[in-house]
Amino acid sequence: MTKAIKNIIFDLGGVLLKIDAQRTIRAFGELGLPELIKPGGWGYNHPVFLDMEAGKLSEHEFRDGIRRLLPRAASDQDIDQAWCAMILDYFPERIELVRKLALTHRVYLFSNTNAIHVRHFHQLFQKTFAHSLSDLFVKDYYSNEMGIRKPAVESFEYVLNDAGLKGEETLFVDDSNENVESAKKTGMSTIWLTPDSDLLSFF
């Protein structure tokens, strides 16, 4: 990492937090949800999921939207459990890396997520590390609060402008190549973290 980099923006799922989207896909399948899978099989390609991540739906509206896709009744708890099934646990060595980098850089979080997941992974972090996830970062950014999702270039511009950062002084780390390619358009340096990559080795 060059001396020109003063700021680092991390994605969450697949980077700092272990996720397995197939667990949620299977859980919704057990509730009777048809397969509405995005190309590549990572997640769902349906407005109810995409709009939830863009903050266009309340939790109640999201659950009702899911219920309309199901062939039988499902409780709020059933839906929340299926939706959060993908969230596993944190990479402890990567959390420690973020702590160390925060001593020398301004560190941020930017995640495509939703209110139900935010509550779940914050509780998980607090339970695991006995302090708030937000304490790791200068600021954490969530698509549902911003009203815009990655990979829209405007989402990266929002973060840079809100945080007062220069693209050429900022490194963005994500496990989605599509997100990384969009981030490059703002002038940021990037790391595309593949399943075979060792995040610590980049630093």
C-alpha atoms as a PDB file:
ATOM      1  CA  MET A   1       0.000   0.000   0.000  1.00  0.00           C
ATOM      2  CA  THR A   2       1.458   3.331  -1.057  1.00  0.00           C
ATOM      3  CA  LYS A   3       1.985   6.327   1.216  1.00  0.00           C
ATOM      4  CA  ALA A   4      -0.512   8.240  -0.927  1.00  0.00           C
ATOM      5  CA  ILE A   5      -3.345   6.187   0.586  1.00  0.00           C
ATOM      6  CA  LYS A   6      -4.753   7.980   3.617  1.00  0.00           C
ATOM      7  CA  ASN A   7      -8.226   6.436   3.736  1.00  0.00           C
ATOM      8  CA  ILE A   8      -9.526   2.862   3.472  1.00  0.00           C
ATOM      9  CA  ILE A   9     -13.147   1.888   2.835  1.00  0.00           C
ATOM     10  CA  PHE A  10     -14.084  -1.713   3.598  1.00  0.00           C
ATOM     11  CA  ASP A  11     -17.073  -3.675   2.434  1.00  0.00           C
ATOM     12  CA  LEU A  12     -18.597  -5.861   5.159  1.00  0.00           C
ATOM     13  CA  GLY A  13     -20.071  -9.150   3.906  1.00  0.00           C
ATOM     14  CA  GLY A  14     -17.413 -11.451   2.473  1.00  0.00           C
ATOM     15  CA  VAL A  15     -14.656  -9.082   3.626  1.00  0.00           C
ATOM     16  CA  LEU A  16     -14.989  -8.646   7.399  1.00  0.00           C
ATOM     17  CA  LEU A  17     -18.080 -10.775   7.975  1.00  0.00           C
ATOM     18  CA  LYS A  18     -18.458 -14.387   6.856  1.00  0.00           C
ATOM     19  CA  ILE A  19     -21.607 -14.910   4.836  1.00  0.00           C
ATOM     20  CA  ASP A  20     -23.162 -17.807   2.981  1.00  0.00           C
ATOM     21  CA  ALA A  21     -26.018 -16.603   0.773  1.00  0.00           C
ATOM     22  CA  GLN A  22     -26.945 -20.187  -0.050  1.00  0.00           C
ATOM     23  CA  ARG A  23     -28.137 -20.602   3.545  1.00  0.00           C
ATOM     24  CA  THR A  24     -30.708 -17.839   3.041  1.00  0.00           C
ATOM     25  CA  ILE A  25     -31.663 -19.179  -0.377  1.00  0.00           C
ATOM     26  CA  ARG A  26     -32.267 -22.610   1.153  1.00  0.00           C
ATOM     27  CA  ALA A  27     -34.138 -21.135   4.125  1.00  0.00           C
ATOM     28  CA  PHE A  28     -36.473 -19.170   1.881  1.00  0.00           C
ATOM     29  CA  GLY A  29     -36.850 -22.264  -0.296  1.00  0.00           C
ATOM     30  CA  GLU A  30     -38.129 -24.127   2.765  1.00  0.00           C
ATOM     31  CA  LEU A  31     -40.739 -21.392   3.166  1.00  0.00           C
ATOM     32  CA  GLY A  32     -41.742 -21.944  -0.457  1.00  0.00           C
ATOM     33  CA  LEU A  33     -40.065 -18.958  -2.114  1.00  0.00           C
ATOM     34  CA  PRO A  34     -39.396 -19.598  -5.813  1.00  0.00           C
ATOM     35  CA  GLU A  35     -35.829 -19.280  -7.041  1.00  0.00           C
ATOM     36  CA  LEU A  36     -35.350 -15.656  -8.065  1.00  0.00           C
ATOM     37  CA  ILE A  37     -31.583 -15.889  -8.182  1.00  0.00           C
ATOM     38  CA  LYS A  38     -29.298 -13.247  -9.636  1.00  0.00           C
ATOM     39  CA  PRO A  39     -26.725 -14.312 -12.242  1.00  0.00           C
ATOM     40  CA  GLY A  40     -23.883 -15.979 -10.375  1.00  0.00           C
ATOM     41  CA  GLY A  41     -26.227 -17.307  -7.726  1.00  0.00           C
ATOM     42  CA  TRP A  42     -25.126 -14.889  -4.972  1.00  0.00           C
ATOM     43  CA  GLY A  43     -28.519 -13.525  -4.005  1.00  0.00           C
ATOM     44  CA  TYR A  44     -32.042 -12.669  -5.053  1.00  0.00           C
ATOM     45  CA  ASN A  45     -32.993 -10.702  -8.140  1.00  0.00           C
ATOM     46  CA  HIS A  46     -36.377  -9.295  -7.171  1.00  0.00           C
ATOM     47  CA  PRO A  47     -37.467  -5.720  -6.395  1.00  0.00           C
ATOM     48  CA  VAL A  48     -38.469  -6.586  -2.823  1.00  0.00           C
ATOM     49  CA  PHE A  49     -34.839  -7.431  -1.968  1.00  0.00           C
ATOM     50  CA  LEU A  50     -33.226  -4.671  -4.018  1.00  0.00           C
ATOM     51  CA  ASP A  51     -35.641  -2.026  -2.732  1.00  0.00           C
ATOM     52  CA  MET A  52     -35.016  -3.117   0.858  1.00  0.00           C
ATOM     53  CA  GLU A  53     -31.275  -2.539   0.381  1.00  0.00           C
ATOM     54  CA  ALA A  54     -31.976   0.867  -1.141  1.00  0.00           C
ATOM     55  CA  GLY A  55     -34.067   1.878   1.872  1.00  0.00           C
ATOM     56  CA  LYS A  56     -37.261   2.085  -0.181  1.00  0.00           C
ATOM     57  CA  LEU A  57     -39.160  -0.376   2.013  1.00  0.00           C
ATOM     58  CA  SER A  58     -39.785  -0.515   5.737  1.00  0.00           C
ATOM     59  CA  GLU A  59     -39.241  -3.809   7.533  1.00  0.00           C
ATOM     60  CA  HIS A  60     -43.008  -4.325   7.584  1.00  0.00           C
ATOM     61  CA  GLU A  61     -43.282  -3.646   3.838  1.00  0.00           C
ATOM     62  CA  PHE A  62     -40.382  -6.017   3.157  1.00  0.00           C
ATOM     63  CA  ARG A  63     -41.946  -8.859   5.133  1.00  0.00           C
ATOM     64  CA  ASP A  64     -45.310  -8.329   3.460  1.00  0.00           C
ATOM     65  CA  GLY A  65     -43.548  -8.317   0.090  1.00  0.00           C
ATOM     66  CA  ILE A  66     -41.964 -11.656   0.918  1.00  0.00           C
ATOM     67  CA  ARG A  67     -45.288 -13.069   2.067  1.00  0.00           C
ATOM     68  CA  ARG A  68     -46.802 -12.214  -1.309  1.00  0.00           C
ATOM     69  CA  LEU A  69     -44.155 -14.452  -2.921  1.00  0.00           C
ATOM     70  CA  LEU A  70     -44.842 -17.386  -0.620  1.00  0.00           C
ATOM     71  CA  PRO A  71     -47.437 -20.122  -1.154  1.00  0.00           C
ATOM     72  CA  ARG A  72     -48.243 -20.354   2.557  1.00  0.00           C
ATOM     73  CA  ALA A  73     -48.294 -18.208   5.684  1.00  0.00           C
ATOM     74  CA  ALA A  74     -45.019 -17.169   7.327  1.00  0.00           C
ATOM     75  CA  SER A  75     -44.494 -15.157  10.497  1.00  0.00           C
ATOM     76  CA  ASP A  76     -42.243 -12.123  10.831  1.00  0.00           C
ATOM     77  CA  GLN A  77     -39.847 -14.326  12.792  1.00  0.00           C
ATOM     78  CA  ASP A  78     -39.808 -16.965  10.035  1.00  0.00           C
ATOM     79  CA  ILE A  79     -38.920 -14.346   7.445  1.00  0.00           C
ATOM     80  CA  ASP A  80     -36.283 -12.625   9.588  1.00  0.00           C
ATOM     81  CA  GLN A  81     -34.612 -15.930  10.435  1.00  0.00           C
ATOM     82  CA  ALA A  82     -34.490 -16.951   6.781  1.00  0.00           C
ATOM     83  CA  TRP A  83     -33.220 -13.524   5.734  1.00  0.00           C
ATOM     84  CA  CYS A  84     -30.449 -13.530   8.355  1.00  0.00           C
ATOM     85  CA  ALA A  85     -29.448 -17.166   7.820  1.00  0.00           C
ATOM     86  CA  MET A  86     -26.642 -16.003   5.499  1.00  0.00           C
ATOM     87  CA  ILE A  87     -24.871 -14.128   8.314  1.00  0.00           C
ATOM     88  CA  LEU A  88     -22.300 -16.364   9.995  1.00  0.00           C
ATOM     89  CA  ASP A  89     -19.524 -14.775  12.079  1.00  0.00           C
ATOM     90  CA  TYR A  90     -16.686 -12.295  11.749  1.00  0.00           C
ATOM     91  CA  PHE A  91     -13.136 -12.923  10.567  1.00  0.00           C
ATOM     92  CA  PRO A  92     -11.298 -12.121  13.836  1.00  0.00           C
ATOM     93  CA  GLU A  93      -7.928 -11.617  12.145  1.00  0.00           C
ATOM     94  CA  ARG A  94      -9.481  -9.136   9.710  1.00  0.00           C
ATOM     95  CA  ILE A  95     -11.183  -7.227  12.512  1.00  0.00           C
ATOM     96  CA  GLU A  96      -7.772  -6.970  14.181  1.00  0.00           C
ATOM     97  CA  LEU A  97      -6.304  -5.729  10.883  1.00  0.00           C
ATOM     98  CA  VAL A  98      -8.918  -2.951  10.764  1.00  0.00           C
ATOM     99  CA  ARG A  99      -8.004  -1.954  14.318  1.00  0.00           C
ATOM    100  CA  LYS A 100      -4.328  -1.679  13.377  1.00  0.00           C
ATOM    101  CA  LEU A 101      -5.002   0.215  10.159  1.00  0.00           C
ATOM    102  CA  ALA A 102      -7.161   2.688  12.083  1.00  0.00           C
ATOM    103  CA  LEU A 103      -4.033   3.782  13.943  1.00  0.00           C
ATOM    104  CA  THR A 104      -2.482   5.113  10.727  1.00  0.00           C
ATOM    105  CA  HIS A 105      -5.406   5.638   8.321  1.00  0.00           C
ATOM    106  CA  ARG A 106      -8.973   6.907   8.303  1.00  0.00           C
ATOM    107  CA  VAL A 107     -11.034   3.732   8.030  1.00  0.00           C
ATOM    108  CA  TYR A 108     -14.655   3.490   6.865  1.00  0.00           C
ATOM    109  CA  LEU A 109     -17.286   0.840   6.190  1.00  0.00           C
ATOM    110  CA  PHE A 110     -19.616   0.802   3.156  1.00  0.00           C
ATOM    111  CA  SER A 111     -22.086  -2.061   2.831  1.00  0.00           C
ATOM    112  CA  ASN A 112     -25.095  -2.905   0.697  1.00  0.00           C
ATOM    113  CA  THR A 113     -27.472  -3.996   3.425  1.00  0.00           C
ATOM    114  CA  ASN A 114     -30.848  -3.487   5.049  1.00  0.00           C
ATOM    115  CA  ALA A 115     -32.312  -2.636   8.438  1.00  0.00           C
ATOM    116  CA  ILE A 116     -32.934  -6.255   9.465  1.00  0.00           C
ATOM    117  CA  HIS A 117     -29.370  -7.318   8.669  1.00  0.00           C
ATOM    118  CA  VAL A 118     -27.880  -4.189  10.239  1.00  0.00           C
ATOM    119  CA  ARG A 119     -29.540  -4.956  13.543  1.00  0.00           C
ATOM    120  CA  HIS A 120     -28.468  -8.614  13.366  1.00  0.00           C
ATOM    121  CA  PHE A 121     -24.790  -8.096  12.510  1.00  0.00           C
ATOM    122  CA  HIS A 122     -24.396  -5.255  15.002  1.00  0.00           C
ATOM    123  CA  GLN A 123     -25.767  -7.492  17.769  1.00  0.00           C
ATOM    124  CA  LEU A 124     -23.456 -10.285  16.621  1.00  0.00           C
ATOM    125  CA  PHE A 125     -20.423  -7.984  16.732  1.00  0.00           C
ATOM    126  CA  GLN A 126     -21.313  -6.677  20.184  1.00  0.00           C
ATOM    127  CA  LYS A 127     -21.740 -10.231  21.464  1.00  0.00           C
ATOM    128  CA  THR A 128     -18.445 -11.377  19.902  1.00  0.00           C
ATOM    129  CA  PHE A 129     -16.155  -8.430  20.667  1.00  0.00           C
ATOM    130  CA  ALA A 130     -17.959  -6.657  23.546  1.00  0.00           C
ATOM    131  CA  HIS A 131     -18.032  -3.287  21.801  1.00  0.00           C
ATOM    132  CA  SER A 132     -19.795  -1.635  18.900  1.00  0.00           C
ATOM    133  CA  LEU A 133     -18.939  -2.394  15.267  1.00  0.00           C
ATOM    134  CA  SER A 134     -19.180   1.333  14.569  1.00  0.00           C
ATOM    135  CA  ASP A 135     -16.287   1.942  16.987  1.00  0.00           C
ATOM    136  CA  LEU A 136     -13.911   0.491  14.374  1.00  0.00           C
ATOM    137  CA  PHE A 137     -14.621   3.188  11.818  1.00  0.00           C
ATOM    138  CA  VAL A 138     -14.657   6.922  11.370  1.00  0.00           C
ATOM    139  CA  LYS A 139     -18.121   6.290   9.943  1.00  0.00           C
ATOM    140  CA  ASP A 140     -20.064   3.284   8.673  1.00  0.00           C
ATOM    141  CA  TYR A 141     -22.226   3.704   5.575  1.00  0.00           C
ATOM    142  CA  TYR A 142     -25.197   1.490   4.737  1.00  0.00           C
ATOM    143  CA  SER A 143     -27.037   1.473   1.422  1.00  0.00           C
ATOM    144  CA  ASN A 144     -30.475   1.370   3.035  1.00  0.00           C
ATOM    145  CA  GLU A 145     -29.700   4.582   4.954  1.00  0.00           C
ATOM    146  CA  MET A 146     -28.100   6.270   1.935  1.00  0.00           C
ATOM    147  CA  GLY A 147     -30.918   5.352  -0.453  1.00  0.00           C
ATOM    148  CA  ILE A 148     -28.515   4.027  -3.080  1.00  0.00           C
ATOM    149  CA  ARG A 149     -26.667   0.737  -3.584  1.00  0.00           C
ATOM    150  CA  LYS A 150     -23.329  -0.333  -4.946  1.00  0.00           C
ATOM    151  CA  PRO A 151     -22.323  -0.667  -7.756  1.00  0.00           C
ATOM    152  CA  ALA A 152     -23.818   2.719  -8.680  1.00  0.00           C
ATOM    153  CA  VAL A 153     -20.924   5.143  -9.109  1.00  0.00           C
ATOM    154  CA  GLU A 154     -23.080   7.716  -7.332  1.00  0.00           C
ATOM    155  CA  SER A 155     -22.988   5.588  -4.181  1.00  0.00           C
ATOM    156  CA  PHE A 156     -19.198   5.842  -4.027  1.00  0.00           C
ATOM    157  CA  GLU A 157     -19.324   9.546  -4.781  1.00  0.00           C
ATOM    158  CA  TYR A 158     -21.791   9.943  -1.911  1.00  0.00           C
ATOM    159  CA  VAL A 159     -19.398   8.320   0.543  1.00  0.00           C
ATOM    160  CA  LEU A 160     -16.386  10.291  -0.669  1.00  0.00           C
ATOM    161  CA  ASN A 161     -18.261  13.590  -0.561  1.00  0.00           C
ATOM    162  CA  ASP A 162     -19.891  12.939   2.802  1.00  0.00           C
ATOM    163  CA  ALA A 163     -16.587  11.906   4.393  1.00  0.00           C
ATOM    164  CA  GLY A 164     -14.620  14.659   2.664  1.00  0.00           C
ATOM    165  CA  LEU A 165     -12.241  12.212   1.010  1.00  0.00           C
ATOM    166  CA  LYS A 166     -10.255  12.399  -2.221  1.00  0.00           C
ATOM    167  CA  GLY A 167     -10.536   9.387  -4.483  1.00  0.00           C
ATOM    168  CA  GLU A 168      -6.824   9.316  -5.229  1.00  0.00           C
ATOM    169  CA  GLU A 169      -6.063   9.096  -1.489  1.00  0.00           C
ATOM    170  CA  THR A 170      -8.562   6.310  -0.836  1.00  0.00           C
ATOM    171  CA  LEU A 171      -8.454   2.521  -1.077  1.00  0.00           C
ATOM    172  CA  PHE A 172     -11.667   0.506  -1.472  1.00  0.00           C
ATOM    173  CA  VAL A 173     -11.851  -3.200  -0.553  1.00  0.00           C
ATOM    174  CA  ASP A 174     -14.752  -5.379  -1.741  1.00  0.00           C
ATOM    175  CA  ASP A 175     -15.421  -8.986  -2.715  1.00  0.00           C
ATOM    176  CA  SER A 176     -17.483  -7.945  -5.753  1.00  0.00           C
ATOM    177  CA  ASN A 177     -15.562  -7.179  -8.947  1.00  0.00           C
ATOM    178  CA  GLU A 178     -18.545  -5.177 -10.207  1.00  0.00           C
ATOM    179  CA  ASN A 179     -18.354  -2.908  -7.159  1.00  0.00           C
ATOM    180  CA  VAL A 180     -14.587  -2.591  -7.488  1.00  0.00           C
ATOM    181  CA  GLU A 181     -14.838  -1.570 -11.136  1.00  0.00           C
ATOM    182  CA  SER A 182     -17.355   1.154 -10.275  1.00  0.00           C
ATOM    183  CA  ALA A 183     -15.198   2.420  -7.418  1.00  0.00           C
ATOM    184  CA  LYS A 184     -12.263   2.826  -9.816  1.00  0.00           C
ATOM    185  CA  LYS A 185     -14.306   5.387 -11.767  1.00  0.00           C
ATOM    186  CA  THR A 186     -14.092   7.756  -8.794  1.00  0.00           C
ATOM    187  CA  GLY A 187     -10.290   7.578  -8.782  1.00  0.00           C
ATOM    188  CA  MET A 188     -10.014   5.205  -5.850  1.00  0.00           C
ATOM    189  CA  SER A 189      -7.443   2.436  -5.650  1.00  0.00           C
ATOM    190  CA  THR A 190      -9.103  -0.931  -5.132  1.00  0.00           C
ATOM    191  CA  ILE A 191      -8.652  -4.469  -3.872  1.00  0.00           C
ATOM    192  CA  TRP A 192     -10.915  -7.156  -5.260  1.00  0.00           C
ATOM    193  CA  LEU A 193     -10.985  -9.773  -2.531  1.00  0.00           C
ATOM    194  CA  THR A 194     -11.680 -13.152  -4.131  1.00  0.00           C
ATOM    195  CA  PRO A 195     -12.479 -16.272  -2.064  1.00  0.00           C
ATOM    196  CA  ASP A 196      -8.860 -17.376  -2.507  1.00  0.00           C
ATOM    197  CA  SER A 197      -7.376 -14.029  -1.468  1.00  0.00           C
ATOM    198  CA  ASP A 198      -5.615 -13.378   1.819  1.00  0.00           C
ATOM    199  CA  LEU A 199      -6.678  -9.889   2.888  1.00  0.00           C
ATOM    200  CA  LEU A 200      -3.787  -9.522   5.338  1.00  0.00           C
ATOM    201  CA  SER A 201      -1.246 -10.107   2.561  1.00  0.00           C
ATOM    202  CA  PHE A 202      -2.381  -6.935   0.756  1.00  0.00           C
ATOM    203  CA  PHE A 203      -1.260  -4.862   3.744  1.00  0.00           C
END
